[in-house]
Amino acid sequence: DCQAEGNPQPTYSWTPCDPKQSVCHENLLIFQANDKS
């Protein structure tokens, strides 16, 4: 959860994130971990 302030309302982007997913441009990113530590 990335919470931000600003006027006008800020836009969000997450890196890394699959650009085909709309969640890459929202404040909340849900991620499922695999074997990487």
Full PDB file with SEQRES, HELIX, SHEET, SSBOND, CRYST1, ORIGX, SCALE, CONECT and MASTER records, all heavy atoms in Angstrom:
SEQRES   1 A   37  ASP CYS GLN ALA GLU GLY ASN PRO GLN PRO THR TYR SER          
SEQRES   2 A   37  TRP THR PRO CYS ASP PRO LYS GLN SER VAL CYS HIS GLU          
SEQRES   3 A   37  ASN LEU LEU ILE PHE GLN ALA ASN ASP LYS SER                  
HELIX    1 AA1 SER A   22  HIS A   25  5                                   4    
SSBOND   1 CYS A   17    CYS A   24                          1555   1555  1.89  
CRYST1    1.000    1.000    1.000  90.00  90.00  90.00 P 1           1          
ORIGX1      1.000000  0.000000  0.000000        0.00000                         
ORIGX2      0.000000  1.000000  0.000000        0.00000                         
ORIGX3      0.000000  0.000000  1.000000        0.00000                         
SCALE1      1.000000  0.000000  0.000000        0.00000                         
SCALE2      0.000000  1.000000  0.000000        0.00000                         
SCALE3      0.000000  0.000000  1.000000        0.00000                         
ATOM      1  N   ASP A   1       0.842  -1.190   0.000  1.00  0.00           N  
ATOM      2  CA  ASP A   1       0.000   0.000   0.000  1.00  0.00           C  
ATOM      3  C   ASP A   1       0.881   1.245   0.000  1.00  0.00           C  
ATOM      4  O   ASP A   1       1.631   1.488   0.935  1.00  0.00           O  
ATOM      5  CB  ASP A   1      -0.908  -0.019   1.232  1.00  0.00           C  
ATOM      6  CG  ASP A   1      -1.946   1.085   1.213  1.00  0.00           C  
ATOM      7  OD1 ASP A   1      -2.139   1.716   0.154  1.00  0.00           O  
ATOM      8  OD2 ASP A   1      -2.568   1.306   2.265  1.00  0.00           O  
ATOM      9  N   CYS A   2       0.768   2.021  -1.064  1.00  0.00           N  
ATOM     10  CA  CYS A   2       1.526   3.262  -1.210  1.00  0.00           C  
ATOM     11  C   CYS A   2       0.532   4.414  -1.084  1.00  0.00           C  
ATOM     12  O   CYS A   2      -0.293   4.619  -1.974  1.00  0.00           O  
ATOM     13  CB  CYS A   2       2.209   3.271  -2.577  1.00  0.00           C  
ATOM     14  SG  CYS A   2       3.231   4.721  -2.889  1.00  0.00           S  
ATOM     15  N   GLN A   3       0.589   5.142   0.003  1.00  0.00           N  
ATOM     16  CA  GLN A   3      -0.336   6.252   0.221  1.00  0.00           C  
ATOM     17  C   GLN A   3       0.368   7.566  -0.076  1.00  0.00           C  
ATOM     18  O   GLN A   3       1.487   7.794   0.390  1.00  0.00           O  
ATOM     19  CB  GLN A   3      -0.849   6.233   1.654  1.00  0.00           C  
ATOM     20  CG  GLN A   3      -1.635   4.978   1.980  1.00  0.00           C  
ATOM     21  CD  GLN A   3      -2.037   4.920   3.442  1.00  0.00           C  
ATOM     22  OE1 GLN A   3      -1.985   5.900   4.161  1.00  0.00           O  
ATOM     23  NE2 GLN A   3      -2.435   3.736   3.886  1.00  0.00           N  
ATOM     24  N   ALA A   4      -0.311   8.405  -0.860  1.00  0.00           N  
ATOM     25  CA  ALA A   4       0.289   9.671  -1.274  1.00  0.00           C  
ATOM     26  C   ALA A   4      -0.723  10.804  -1.181  1.00  0.00           C  
ATOM     27  O   ALA A   4      -1.930  10.587  -1.152  1.00  0.00           O  
ATOM     28  CB  ALA A   4       0.815   9.560  -2.699  1.00  0.00           C  
ATOM     29  N   GLU A   5      -0.177  12.011  -1.142  1.00  0.00           N  
ATOM     30  CA  GLU A   5      -0.979  13.222  -1.155  1.00  0.00           C  
ATOM     31  C   GLU A   5      -0.521  14.089  -2.312  1.00  0.00           C  
ATOM     32  O   GLU A   5       0.593  13.948  -2.801  1.00  0.00           O  
ATOM     33  CB  GLU A   5      -0.786  14.010   0.151  1.00  0.00           C  
ATOM     34  CG  GLU A   5      -1.265  13.304   1.377  1.00  0.00           C  
ATOM     35  CD  GLU A   5      -0.979  14.090   2.650  1.00  0.00           C  
ATOM     36  OE1 GLU A   5      -0.115  14.998   2.627  1.00  0.00           O  
ATOM     37  OE2 GLU A   5      -1.610  13.781   3.668  1.00  0.00           O  
ATOM     38  N   GLY A   6      -1.361  15.016  -2.685  1.00  0.00           N  
ATOM     39  CA  GLY A   6      -1.014  15.977  -3.717  1.00  0.00           C  
ATOM     40  C   GLY A   6      -2.264  16.605  -4.305  1.00  0.00           C  
ATOM     41  O   GLY A   6      -3.350  16.043  -4.224  1.00  0.00           O  
ATOM     42  N   ASN A   7      -2.114  17.797  -4.846  1.00  0.00           N  
ATOM     43  CA  ASN A   7      -3.214  18.486  -5.511  1.00  0.00           C  
ATOM     44  C   ASN A   7      -2.659  19.116  -6.777  1.00  0.00           C  
ATOM     45  O   ASN A   7      -1.871  20.057  -6.679  1.00  0.00           O  
ATOM     46  CB  ASN A   7      -3.808  19.543  -4.589  1.00  0.00           C  
ATOM     47  CG  ASN A   7      -5.027  20.207  -5.198  1.00  0.00           C  
ATOM     48  OD1 ASN A   7      -5.544  19.746  -6.197  1.00  0.00           O  
ATOM     49  ND2 ASN A   7      -5.460  21.293  -4.598  1.00  0.00           N  
ATOM     50  N   PRO A   8      -2.968  18.561  -7.946  1.00  0.00           N  
ATOM     51  CA  PRO A   8      -3.998  17.563  -8.211  1.00  0.00           C  
ATOM     52  C   PRO A   8      -3.601  16.171  -7.711  1.00  0.00           C  
ATOM     53  O   PRO A   8      -2.443  15.910  -7.410  1.00  0.00           O  
ATOM     54  CB  PRO A   8      -4.138  17.567  -9.734  1.00  0.00           C  
ATOM     55  CG  PRO A   8      -2.819  18.046 -10.234  1.00  0.00           C  
ATOM     56  CD  PRO A   8      -2.306  18.996  -9.191  1.00  0.00           C  
ATOM     57  N   GLN A   9      -4.608  15.297  -7.643  1.00  0.00           N  
ATOM     58  CA  GLN A   9      -4.434  13.918  -7.171  1.00  0.00           C  
ATOM     59  C   GLN A   9      -3.299  13.237  -7.934  1.00  0.00           C  
ATOM     60  O   GLN A   9      -3.257  13.278  -9.155  1.00  0.00           O  
ATOM     61  CB  GLN A   9      -5.747  13.154  -7.383  1.00  0.00           C  
ATOM     62  CG  GLN A   9      -5.735  11.738  -6.854  1.00  0.00           C  
ATOM     63  CD  GLN A   9      -5.696  11.669  -5.342  1.00  0.00           C  
ATOM     64  OE1 GLN A   9      -6.267  12.498  -4.654  1.00  0.00           O  
ATOM     65  NE2 GLN A   9      -5.017  10.681  -4.815  1.00  0.00           N  
ATOM     66  N   PRO A  10      -2.359  12.599  -7.238  1.00  0.00           N  
ATOM     67  CA  PRO A  10      -1.249  11.933  -7.917  1.00  0.00           C  
ATOM     68  C   PRO A  10      -1.669  10.675  -8.677  1.00  0.00           C  
ATOM     69  O   PRO A  10      -2.658  10.028  -8.333  1.00  0.00           O  
ATOM     70  CB  PRO A  10      -0.301  11.540  -6.779  1.00  0.00           C  
ATOM     71  CG  PRO A  10      -0.803  12.174  -5.545  1.00  0.00           C  
ATOM     72  CD  PRO A  10      -2.225  12.558  -5.783  1.00  0.00           C  
ATOM     73  N   THR A  11      -0.888  10.351  -9.683  1.00  0.00           N  
ATOM     74  CA  THR A  11      -1.001   9.059 -10.359  1.00  0.00           C  
ATOM     75  C   THR A  11       0.047   8.141  -9.740  1.00  0.00           C  
ATOM     76  O   THR A  11       1.041   8.594  -9.184  1.00  0.00           O  
ATOM     77  CB  THR A  11      -0.753   9.188 -11.871  1.00  0.00           C  
ATOM     78  OG1 THR A  11       0.564   9.713 -12.084  1.00  0.00           O  
ATOM     79  CG2 THR A  11      -1.801  10.078 -12.533  1.00  0.00           C  
ATOM     80  N   TYR A  12      -0.168   6.820  -9.867  1.00  0.00           N  
ATOM     81  CA  TYR A  12       0.709   5.825  -9.261  1.00  0.00           C  
ATOM     82  C   TYR A  12       1.296   4.920 -10.331  1.00  0.00           C  
ATOM     83  O   TYR A  12       0.659   4.645 -11.341  1.00  0.00           O  
ATOM     84  CB  TYR A  12      -0.087   4.930  -8.293  1.00  0.00           C  
ATOM     85  CG  TYR A  12      -0.583   5.637  -7.067  1.00  0.00           C  
ATOM     86  CD1 TYR A  12      -1.774   6.369  -7.083  1.00  0.00           C  
ATOM     87  CD2 TYR A  12       0.121   5.569  -5.879  1.00  0.00           C  
ATOM     88  CE1 TYR A  12      -2.234   7.008  -5.950  1.00  0.00           C  
ATOM     89  CE2 TYR A  12      -0.339   6.201  -4.739  1.00  0.00           C  
ATOM     90  CZ  TYR A  12      -1.516   6.925  -4.785  1.00  0.00           C  
ATOM     91  OH  TYR A  12      -1.966   7.559  -3.651  1.00  0.00           O  
ATOM     92  N   SER A  13       2.511   4.437 -10.068  1.00  0.00           N  
ATOM     93  CA  SER A  13       3.067   3.362 -10.881  1.00  0.00           C  
ATOM     94  C   SER A  13       4.004   2.533 -10.002  1.00  0.00           C  
ATOM     95  O   SER A  13       4.701   3.063  -9.141  1.00  0.00           O  
ATOM     96  CB  SER A  13       3.804   3.896 -12.105  1.00  0.00           C  
ATOM     97  OG  SER A  13       4.895   4.702 -11.735  1.00  0.00           O  
ATOM     98  N   TRP A  14       3.983   1.216 -10.219  1.00  0.00           N  
ATOM     99  CA  TRP A  14       4.813   0.272  -9.473  1.00  0.00           C  
ATOM    100  C   TRP A  14       5.842  -0.341 -10.414  1.00  0.00           C  
ATOM    101  O   TRP A  14       5.549  -0.655 -11.552  1.00  0.00           O  
ATOM    102  CB  TRP A  14       3.963  -0.864  -8.905  1.00  0.00           C  
ATOM    103  CG  TRP A  14       3.126  -0.478  -7.735  1.00  0.00           C  
ATOM    104  CD1 TRP A  14       1.826  -0.086  -7.758  1.00  0.00           C  
ATOM    105  CD2 TRP A  14       3.529  -0.456  -6.366  1.00  0.00           C  
ATOM    106  NE1 TRP A  14       1.390   0.173  -6.485  1.00  0.00           N  
ATOM    107  CE2 TRP A  14       2.410  -0.052  -5.608  1.00  0.00           C  
ATOM    108  CE3 TRP A  14       4.725  -0.742  -5.692  1.00  0.00           C  
ATOM    109  CZ2 TRP A  14       2.456   0.079  -4.213  1.00  0.00           C  
ATOM    110  CZ3 TRP A  14       4.759  -0.628  -4.320  1.00  0.00           C  
ATOM    111  CH2 TRP A  14       3.645  -0.219  -3.597  1.00  0.00           C  
ATOM    112  N   THR A  15       7.052  -0.520  -9.896  1.00  0.00           N  
ATOM    113  CA  THR A  15       8.114  -1.180 -10.645  1.00  0.00           C  
ATOM    114  C   THR A  15       8.768  -2.200  -9.725  1.00  0.00           C  
ATOM    115  O   THR A  15       9.107  -1.846  -8.598  1.00  0.00           O  
ATOM    116  CB  THR A  15       9.185  -0.165 -11.092  1.00  0.00           C  
ATOM    117  OG1 THR A  15       8.535   0.902 -11.768  1.00  0.00           O  
ATOM    118  CG2 THR A  15      10.197  -0.800 -12.013  1.00  0.00           C  
ATOM    119  N   PRO A  16       8.977  -3.437 -10.134  1.00  0.00           N  
ATOM    120  CA  PRO A  16       8.494  -4.043 -11.376  1.00  0.00           C  
ATOM    121  C   PRO A  16       7.007  -4.377 -11.261  1.00  0.00           C  
ATOM    122  O   PRO A  16       6.494  -4.603 -10.172  1.00  0.00           O  
ATOM    123  CB  PRO A  16       9.317  -5.316 -11.498  1.00  0.00           C  
ATOM    124  CG  PRO A  16       9.626  -5.705 -10.087  1.00  0.00           C  
ATOM    125  CD  PRO A  16       9.743  -4.402  -9.319  1.00  0.00           C  
ATOM    126  N   CYS A  17       6.358  -4.400 -12.401  1.00  0.00           N  
ATOM    127  CA  CYS A  17       4.950  -4.776 -12.466  1.00  0.00           C  
ATOM    128  C   CYS A  17       4.624  -5.040 -13.927  1.00  0.00           C  
ATOM    129  O   CYS A  17       5.119  -4.332 -14.813  1.00  0.00           O  
ATOM    130  CB  CYS A  17       4.070  -3.664 -11.920  1.00  0.00           C  
ATOM    131  SG  CYS A  17       2.355  -4.159 -11.704  1.00  0.00           S  
ATOM    132  N   ASP A  18       3.825  -6.053 -14.170  1.00  0.00           N  
ATOM    133  CA  ASP A  18       3.410  -6.371 -15.534  1.00  0.00           C  
ATOM    134  C   ASP A  18       2.531  -5.233 -16.049  1.00  0.00           C  
ATOM    135  O   ASP A  18       1.451  -4.994 -15.502  1.00  0.00           O  
ATOM    136  CB  ASP A  18       2.640  -7.689 -15.540  1.00  0.00           C  
ATOM    137  CG  ASP A  18       2.225  -8.140 -16.921  1.00  0.00           C  
ATOM    138  OD1 ASP A  18       2.347  -7.355 -17.884  1.00  0.00           O  
ATOM    139  OD2 ASP A  18       1.773  -9.286 -17.045  1.00  0.00           O  
ATOM    140  N   PRO A  19       2.962  -4.500 -17.071  1.00  0.00           N  
ATOM    141  CA  PRO A  19       2.204  -3.330 -17.531  1.00  0.00           C  
ATOM    142  C   PRO A  19       0.808  -3.664 -18.059  1.00  0.00           C  
ATOM    143  O   PRO A  19      -0.015  -2.777 -18.207  1.00  0.00           O  
ATOM    144  CB  PRO A  19       3.086  -2.737 -18.627  1.00  0.00           C  
ATOM    145  CG  PRO A  19       4.047  -3.791 -19.001  1.00  0.00           C  
ATOM    146  CD  PRO A  19       4.165  -4.725 -17.833  1.00  0.00           C  
ATOM    147  N   LYS A  20       0.537  -4.930 -18.327  1.00  0.00           N  
ATOM    148  CA  LYS A  20      -0.800  -5.328 -18.780  1.00  0.00           C  
ATOM    149  C   LYS A  20      -1.808  -5.314 -17.635  1.00  0.00           C  
ATOM    150  O   LYS A  20      -3.006  -5.367 -17.855  1.00  0.00           O  
ATOM    151  CB  LYS A  20      -0.755  -6.714 -19.411  1.00  0.00           C  
ATOM    152  CG  LYS A  20       0.092  -6.777 -20.659  1.00  0.00           C  
ATOM    153  CD  LYS A  20       0.219  -8.195 -21.147  1.00  0.00           C  
ATOM    154  CE  LYS A  20       1.262  -8.254 -22.252  1.00  0.00           C  
ATOM    155  NZ  LYS A  20       1.940  -9.522 -22.299  1.00  0.00           N  
ATOM    156  N   GLN A  21      -1.309  -5.276 -16.409  1.00  0.00           N  
ATOM    157  CA  GLN A  21      -2.192  -5.265 -15.245  1.00  0.00           C  
ATOM    158  C   GLN A  21      -2.539  -3.824 -14.874  1.00  0.00           C  
ATOM    159  O   GLN A  21      -1.662  -2.991 -14.716  1.00  0.00           O  
ATOM    160  CB  GLN A  21      -1.509  -5.915 -14.040  1.00  0.00           C  
ATOM    161  CG  GLN A  21      -1.200  -7.376 -14.235  1.00  0.00           C  
ATOM    162  CD  GLN A  21      -0.546  -7.944 -12.991  1.00  0.00           C  
ATOM    163  OE1 GLN A  21      -0.625  -7.372 -11.910  1.00  0.00           O  
ATOM    164  NE2 GLN A  21       0.102  -9.084 -13.140  1.00  0.00           N  
ATOM    165  N   SER A  22      -3.812  -3.552 -14.709  1.00  0.00           N  
ATOM    166  CA  SER A  22      -4.222  -2.201 -14.335  1.00  0.00           C  
ATOM    167  C   SER A  22      -3.765  -1.842 -12.926  1.00  0.00           C  
ATOM    168  O   SER A  22      -3.631  -0.673 -12.596  1.00  0.00           O  
ATOM    169  CB  SER A  22      -5.739  -2.053 -14.449  1.00  0.00           C  
ATOM    170  OG  SER A  22      -6.382  -2.947 -13.578  1.00  0.00           O  
ATOM    171  N   VAL A  23      -3.506  -2.855 -12.081  1.00  0.00           N  
ATOM    172  CA  VAL A  23      -3.084  -2.579 -10.709  1.00  0.00           C  
ATOM    173  C   VAL A  23      -1.716  -1.915 -10.641  1.00  0.00           C  
ATOM    174  O   VAL A  23      -1.344  -1.380  -9.610  1.00  0.00           O  
ATOM    175  CB  VAL A  23      -3.079  -3.861  -9.835  1.00  0.00           C  
ATOM    176  CG1 VAL A  23      -4.471  -4.408  -9.684  1.00  0.00           C  
ATOM    177  CG2 VAL A  23      -2.140  -4.901 -10.378  1.00  0.00           C  
ATOM    178  N   CYS A  24      -0.982  -1.924 -11.713  1.00  0.00           N  
ATOM    179  CA  CYS A  24       0.324  -1.261 -11.728  1.00  0.00           C  
ATOM    180  C   CYS A  24       0.185   0.248 -11.591  1.00  0.00           C  
ATOM    181  O   CYS A  24       1.161   0.939 -11.341  1.00  0.00           O  
ATOM    182  CB  CYS A  24       1.071  -1.572 -13.020  1.00  0.00           C  
ATOM    183  SG  CYS A  24       1.536  -3.292 -13.177  1.00  0.00           S  
ATOM    184  N   HIS A  25      -1.021   0.745 -11.768  1.00  0.00           N  
ATOM    185  CA  HIS A  25      -1.245   2.191 -11.737  1.00  0.00           C  
ATOM    186  C   HIS A  25      -2.239   2.580 -10.643  1.00  0.00           C  
ATOM    187  O   HIS A  25      -2.974   3.543 -10.778  1.00  0.00           O  
ATOM    188  CB  HIS A  25      -1.727   2.666 -13.110  1.00  0.00           C  
ATOM    189  CG  HIS A  25      -0.768   2.298 -14.190  1.00  0.00           C  
ATOM    190  ND1 HIS A  25       0.463   2.895 -14.320  1.00  0.00           N  
ATOM    191  CD2 HIS A  25      -0.828   1.360 -15.153  1.00  0.00           C  
ATOM    192  CE1 HIS A  25       1.107   2.340 -15.337  1.00  0.00           C  
ATOM    193  NE2 HIS A  25       0.342   1.409 -15.855  1.00  0.00           N  
ATOM    194  N   GLU A  26      -2.244   1.793  -9.554  1.00  0.00           N  
ATOM    195  CA  GLU A  26      -3.091   2.073  -8.398  1.00  0.00           C  
ATOM    196  C   GLU A  26      -2.205   2.110  -7.157  1.00  0.00           C  
ATOM    197  O   GLU A  26      -1.064   1.659  -7.183  1.00  0.00           O  
ATOM    198  CB  GLU A  26      -4.168   1.002  -8.252  1.00  0.00           C  
ATOM    199  CG  GLU A  26      -5.129   0.972  -9.426  1.00  0.00           C  
ATOM    200  CD  GLU A  26      -6.170  -0.140  -9.318  1.00  0.00           C  
ATOM    201  OE1 GLU A  26      -6.255  -0.772  -8.246  1.00  0.00           O  
ATOM    202  OE2 GLU A  26      -6.875  -0.360 -10.298  1.00  0.00           O  
ATOM    203  N   ASN A  27      -2.748   2.632  -6.060  1.00  0.00           N  
ATOM    204  CA  ASN A  27      -1.933   2.725  -4.846  1.00  0.00           C  
ATOM    205  C   ASN A  27      -1.705   1.377  -4.175  1.00  0.00           C  
ATOM    206  O   ASN A  27      -0.769   1.208  -3.414  1.00  0.00           O  
ATOM    207  CB  ASN A  27      -2.554   3.707  -3.853  1.00  0.00           C  
ATOM    208  CG  ASN A  27      -3.870   3.223  -3.282  1.00  0.00           C  
ATOM    209  OD1 ASN A  27      -4.773   2.836  -4.028  1.00  0.00           O  
ATOM    210  ND2 ASN A  27      -3.990   3.244  -1.983  1.00  0.00           N  
ATOM    211  N   LEU A  28      -2.549   0.366  -4.484  1.00  0.00           N  
ATOM    212  CA  LEU A  28      -2.437  -0.930  -3.837  1.00  0.00           C  
ATOM    213  C   LEU A  28      -2.001  -1.985  -4.848  1.00  0.00           C  
ATOM    214  O   LEU A  28      -2.642  -2.166  -5.875  1.00  0.00           O  
ATOM    215  CB  LEU A  28      -3.794  -1.317  -3.230  1.00  0.00           C  
ATOM    216  CG  LEU A  28      -3.823  -2.558  -2.347  1.00  0.00           C  
ATOM    217  CD1 LEU A  28      -2.985  -2.348  -1.094  1.00  0.00           C  
ATOM    218  CD2 LEU A  28      -5.252  -2.874  -1.964  1.00  0.00           C  
ATOM    219  N   LEU A  29      -0.896  -2.663  -4.567  1.00  0.00           N  
ATOM    220  CA  LEU A  29      -0.393  -3.733  -5.418  1.00  0.00           C  
ATOM    221  C   LEU A  29      -0.429  -5.024  -4.619  1.00  0.00           C  
ATOM    222  O   LEU A  29       0.105  -5.088  -3.508  1.00  0.00           O  
ATOM    223  CB  LEU A  29       1.050  -3.439  -5.863  1.00  0.00           C  
ATOM    224  CG  LEU A  29       1.730  -4.505  -6.708  1.00  0.00           C  
ATOM    225  CD1 LEU A  29       1.062  -4.615  -8.076  1.00  0.00           C  
ATOM    226  CD2 LEU A  29       3.206  -4.205  -6.872  1.00  0.00           C  
ATOM    227  N   ILE A  30      -1.075  -6.055  -5.152  1.00  0.00           N  
ATOM    228  CA  ILE A  30      -1.130  -7.359  -4.481  1.00  0.00           C  
ATOM    229  C   ILE A  30      -0.170  -8.281  -5.213  1.00  0.00           C  
ATOM    230  O   ILE A  30      -0.235  -8.432  -6.433  1.00  0.00           O  
ATOM    231  CB  ILE A  30      -2.564  -7.921  -4.466  1.00  0.00           C  
ATOM    232  CG1 ILE A  30      -3.455  -6.960  -3.678  1.00  0.00           C  
ATOM    233  CG2 ILE A  30      -2.581  -9.320  -3.862  1.00  0.00           C  
ATOM    234  CD1 ILE A  30      -4.915  -7.297  -3.716  1.00  0.00           C  
ATOM    235  N   PHE A  31       0.731  -8.877  -4.465  1.00  0.00           N  
ATOM    236  CA  PHE A  31       1.804  -9.681  -5.036  1.00  0.00           C  
ATOM    237  C   PHE A  31       1.854 -11.019  -4.335  1.00  0.00           C  
ATOM    238  O   PHE A  31       1.720 -11.099  -3.118  1.00  0.00           O  
ATOM    239  CB  PHE A  31       3.137  -8.927  -4.860  1.00  0.00           C  
ATOM    240  CG  PHE A  31       4.312  -9.693  -5.371  1.00  0.00           C  
ATOM    241  CD1 PHE A  31       4.564  -9.750  -6.725  1.00  0.00           C  
ATOM    242  CD2 PHE A  31       5.156 -10.348  -4.500  1.00  0.00           C  
ATOM    243  CE1 PHE A  31       5.642 -10.467  -7.209  1.00  0.00           C  
ATOM    244  CE2 PHE A  31       6.241 -11.063  -4.971  1.00  0.00           C  
ATOM    245  CZ  PHE A  31       6.478 -11.128  -6.327  1.00  0.00           C  
ATOM    246  N   GLN A  32       2.073 -12.082  -5.113  1.00  0.00           N  
ATOM    247  CA  GLN A  32       2.229 -13.420  -4.533  1.00  0.00           C  
ATOM    248  C   GLN A  32       3.677 -13.851  -4.665  1.00  0.00           C  
ATOM    249  O   GLN A  32       4.228 -13.909  -5.761  1.00  0.00           O  
ATOM    250  CB  GLN A  32       1.312 -14.428  -5.224  1.00  0.00           C  
ATOM    251  CG  GLN A  32       1.395 -15.794  -4.565  1.00  0.00           C  
ATOM    252  CD  GLN A  32       0.322 -16.739  -5.056  1.00  0.00           C  
ATOM    253  OE1 GLN A  32      -0.683 -16.328  -5.609  1.00  0.00           O  
ATOM    254  NE2 GLN A  32       0.538 -18.017  -4.842  1.00  0.00           N  
ATOM    255  N   ALA A  33       4.280 -14.181  -3.547  1.00  0.00           N  
ATOM    256  CA  ALA A  33       5.690 -14.570  -3.511  1.00  0.00           C  
ATOM    257  C   ALA A  33       5.880 -15.986  -4.037  1.00  0.00           C  
ATOM    258  O   ALA A  33       5.023 -16.838  -3.867  1.00  0.00           O  
ATOM    259  CB  ALA A  33       6.214 -14.476  -2.085  1.00  0.00           C  
ATOM    260  N   ASN A  34       7.037 -16.222  -4.671  1.00  0.00           N  
ATOM    261  CA  ASN A  34       7.391 -17.591  -5.050  1.00  0.00           C  
ATOM    262  C   ASN A  34       8.665 -17.969  -4.299  1.00  0.00           C  
ATOM    263  O   ASN A  34       8.805 -17.617  -3.149  1.00  0.00           O  
ATOM    264  CB  ASN A  34       7.504 -17.729  -6.575  1.00  0.00           C  
ATOM    265  CG  ASN A  34       8.538 -16.819  -7.187  1.00  0.00           C  
ATOM    266  OD1 ASN A  34       9.520 -16.472  -6.545  1.00  0.00           O  
ATOM    267  ND2 ASN A  34       8.335 -16.415  -8.416  1.00  0.00           N  
ATOM    268  N   ASP A  35       9.608 -18.640  -4.941  1.00  0.00           N  
ATOM    269  CA  ASP A  35      10.787 -19.154  -4.238  1.00  0.00           C  
ATOM    270  C   ASP A  35      11.875 -18.116  -3.979  1.00  0.00           C  
ATOM    271  O   ASP A  35      12.779 -18.365  -3.208  1.00  0.00           O  
ATOM    272  CB  ASP A  35      11.399 -20.320  -5.028  1.00  0.00           C  
ATOM    273  CG  ASP A  35      10.453 -21.505  -5.089  1.00  0.00           C  
ATOM    274  OD1 ASP A  35       9.567 -21.593  -4.225  1.00  0.00           O  
ATOM    275  OD2 ASP A  35      10.585 -22.323  -6.005  1.00  0.00           O  
ATOM    276  N   LYS A  36      11.818 -17.001  -4.637  1.00  0.00           N  
ATOM    277  CA  LYS A  36      12.848 -15.977  -4.471  1.00  0.00           C  
ATOM    278  C   LYS A  36      12.823 -15.451  -3.034  1.00  0.00           C  
ATOM    279  O   LYS A  36      11.765 -15.296  -2.436  1.00  0.00           O  
ATOM    280  CB  LYS A  36      12.575 -14.840  -5.457  1.00  0.00           C  
ATOM    281  CG  LYS A  36      13.688 -13.866  -5.609  1.00  0.00           C  
ATOM    282  CD  LYS A  36      13.343 -12.908  -6.747  1.00  0.00           C  
ATOM    283  CE  LYS A  36      14.335 -11.784  -6.811  1.00  0.00           C  
ATOM    284  NZ  LYS A  36      13.980 -10.820  -7.836  1.00  0.00           N  
ATOM    285  N   SER A  37      13.989 -15.174  -2.460  1.00  0.00           N  
ATOM    286  CA  SER A  37      14.022 -14.796  -1.054  1.00  0.00           C  
ATOM    287  C   SER A  37      13.820 -13.301  -0.807  1.00  0.00           C  
ATOM    288  O   SER A  37      13.364 -12.915   0.261  1.00  0.00           O  
ATOM    289  CB  SER A  37      15.325 -15.259  -0.406  1.00  0.00           C  
ATOM    290  OG  SER A  37      16.424 -14.737  -1.090  1.00  0.00           O  
TER     291      SER A  37                                                      
CONECT  131  183                                                                
CONECT  183  131                                                                
MASTER        0    0    0    1    0    0    0    6  290    1    2    3          
END                                                                             
